[in-house]
Amino acid sequence: MNTIKKYKLLLVFILLFTSKAHALSPEFEKQLFVGCYSNSKTYIGPEKATIYCTCTVDKLSEKFLDEKIDKIFKMKPE
């Protein structure tokens, strides 16, 4: 098998199997963003708050499902 075919197969494999295994629902993402943005814009300004909150929501969505993040937010601080 030539090199180009190997890279094509690798690319297909990556695209098929690296999709979000965990993901928050769009509604939950929107709630998280609104909460983050309303708090952050006071301290870092609206432009930076948008960037910060978008990144934060993306990272949380990569790692957690709605139920798990809900459970985390309901926990009391130690």
Protein backbone atom coordinates (compact mmCIF):
# COMPACT_ATOMS: atom_id res chain seq x y z
CA MET A 1 0.00 0.00 0.00
CA ASN A 2 1.47 3.34 -0.94
CA THR A 3 1.98 6.23 1.45
CA ILE A 4 -0.94 8.34 0.21
CA LYS A 5 -3.42 5.51 0.77
CA LYS A 6 -2.04 4.96 4.27
CA TYR A 7 -2.56 8.62 5.14
CA LYS A 8 -6.06 8.59 3.66
CA LEU A 9 -6.96 5.57 5.78
CA LEU A 10 -5.44 7.20 8.84
CA LEU A 11 -7.40 10.40 8.20
CA VAL A 12 -10.68 8.50 7.82
CA PHE A 13 -9.96 6.57 11.01
CA ILE A 14 -9.22 9.77 12.93
CA LEU A 15 -12.34 11.51 11.66
CA LEU A 16 -14.59 8.56 12.45
CA PHE A 17 -13.27 7.69 15.87
CA THR A 18 -12.29 11.00 17.38
CA SER A 19 -15.73 12.54 17.37
CA LYS A 20 -16.97 13.85 20.69
CA ALA A 21 -17.39 10.83 22.94
CA HIS A 22 -18.70 13.22 25.54
CA ALA A 23 -20.72 16.24 24.72
CA LEU A 24 -23.03 18.66 26.41
CA SER A 25 -26.36 19.40 24.78
CA PRO A 26 -26.61 22.72 22.91
CA GLU A 27 -29.11 23.99 25.50
CA PHE A 28 -26.75 23.15 28.36
CA GLU A 29 -23.82 24.76 26.54
CA LYS A 30 -25.87 27.92 26.08
CA GLN A 31 -26.76 28.02 29.79
CA LEU A 32 -23.12 27.57 30.77
CA PHE A 33 -22.01 30.28 28.35
CA VAL A 34 -24.61 32.80 29.55
CA GLY A 35 -23.69 32.18 33.20
CA CYS A 36 -19.98 32.41 32.48
CA TYR A 37 -20.30 35.49 30.29
CA SER A 38 -22.49 37.48 32.68
CA ASN A 39 -19.96 36.96 35.47
CA SER A 40 -16.77 37.31 33.42
CA LYS A 41 -17.54 40.44 31.38
CA THR A 42 -17.44 42.54 34.55
CA TYR A 43 -13.86 41.50 35.26
CA ILE A 44 -12.24 41.00 31.85
CA GLY A 45 -14.52 42.91 29.47
CA PRO A 46 -17.03 41.65 26.91
CA GLU A 47 -14.56 40.70 24.17
CA LYS A 48 -12.27 38.64 26.39
CA ALA A 49 -15.26 37.17 28.23
CA THR A 50 -16.63 35.84 24.94
CA ILE A 51 -13.31 34.18 24.11
CA TYR A 52 -12.83 32.82 27.64
CA CYS A 53 -16.37 31.47 28.00
CA THR A 54 -16.42 29.90 24.54
CA CYS A 55 -13.18 28.08 25.32
CA THR A 56 -14.41 27.01 28.76
CA VAL A 57 -17.69 25.63 27.42
CA ASP A 58 -15.87 23.81 24.59
CA LYS A 59 -13.45 22.17 27.02
CA LEU A 60 -16.25 21.15 29.40
CA SER A 61 -18.23 19.73 26.49
CA GLU A 62 -15.25 17.66 25.37
CA LYS A 63 -14.99 16.09 28.79
CA PHE A 64 -18.48 15.78 30.26
CA LEU A 65 -22.09 14.85 29.57
CA ASP A 66 -24.99 16.96 30.89
CA GLU A 67 -25.67 14.61 33.81
CA LYS A 68 -22.06 14.58 34.98
CA ILE A 69 -21.62 18.36 34.84
CA ASP A 70 -24.97 18.79 36.61
CA LYS A 71 -23.75 16.50 39.39
CA ILE A 72 -20.49 18.44 39.70
CA PHE A 73 -22.27 21.81 39.97
CA LYS A 74 -24.61 20.44 42.64
CA MET A 75 -21.71 19.34 44.86
CA LYS A 76 -20.95 21.41 47.92
CA PRO A 77 -17.41 22.79 48.21
CA GLU A 78 -15.19 20.95 50.66
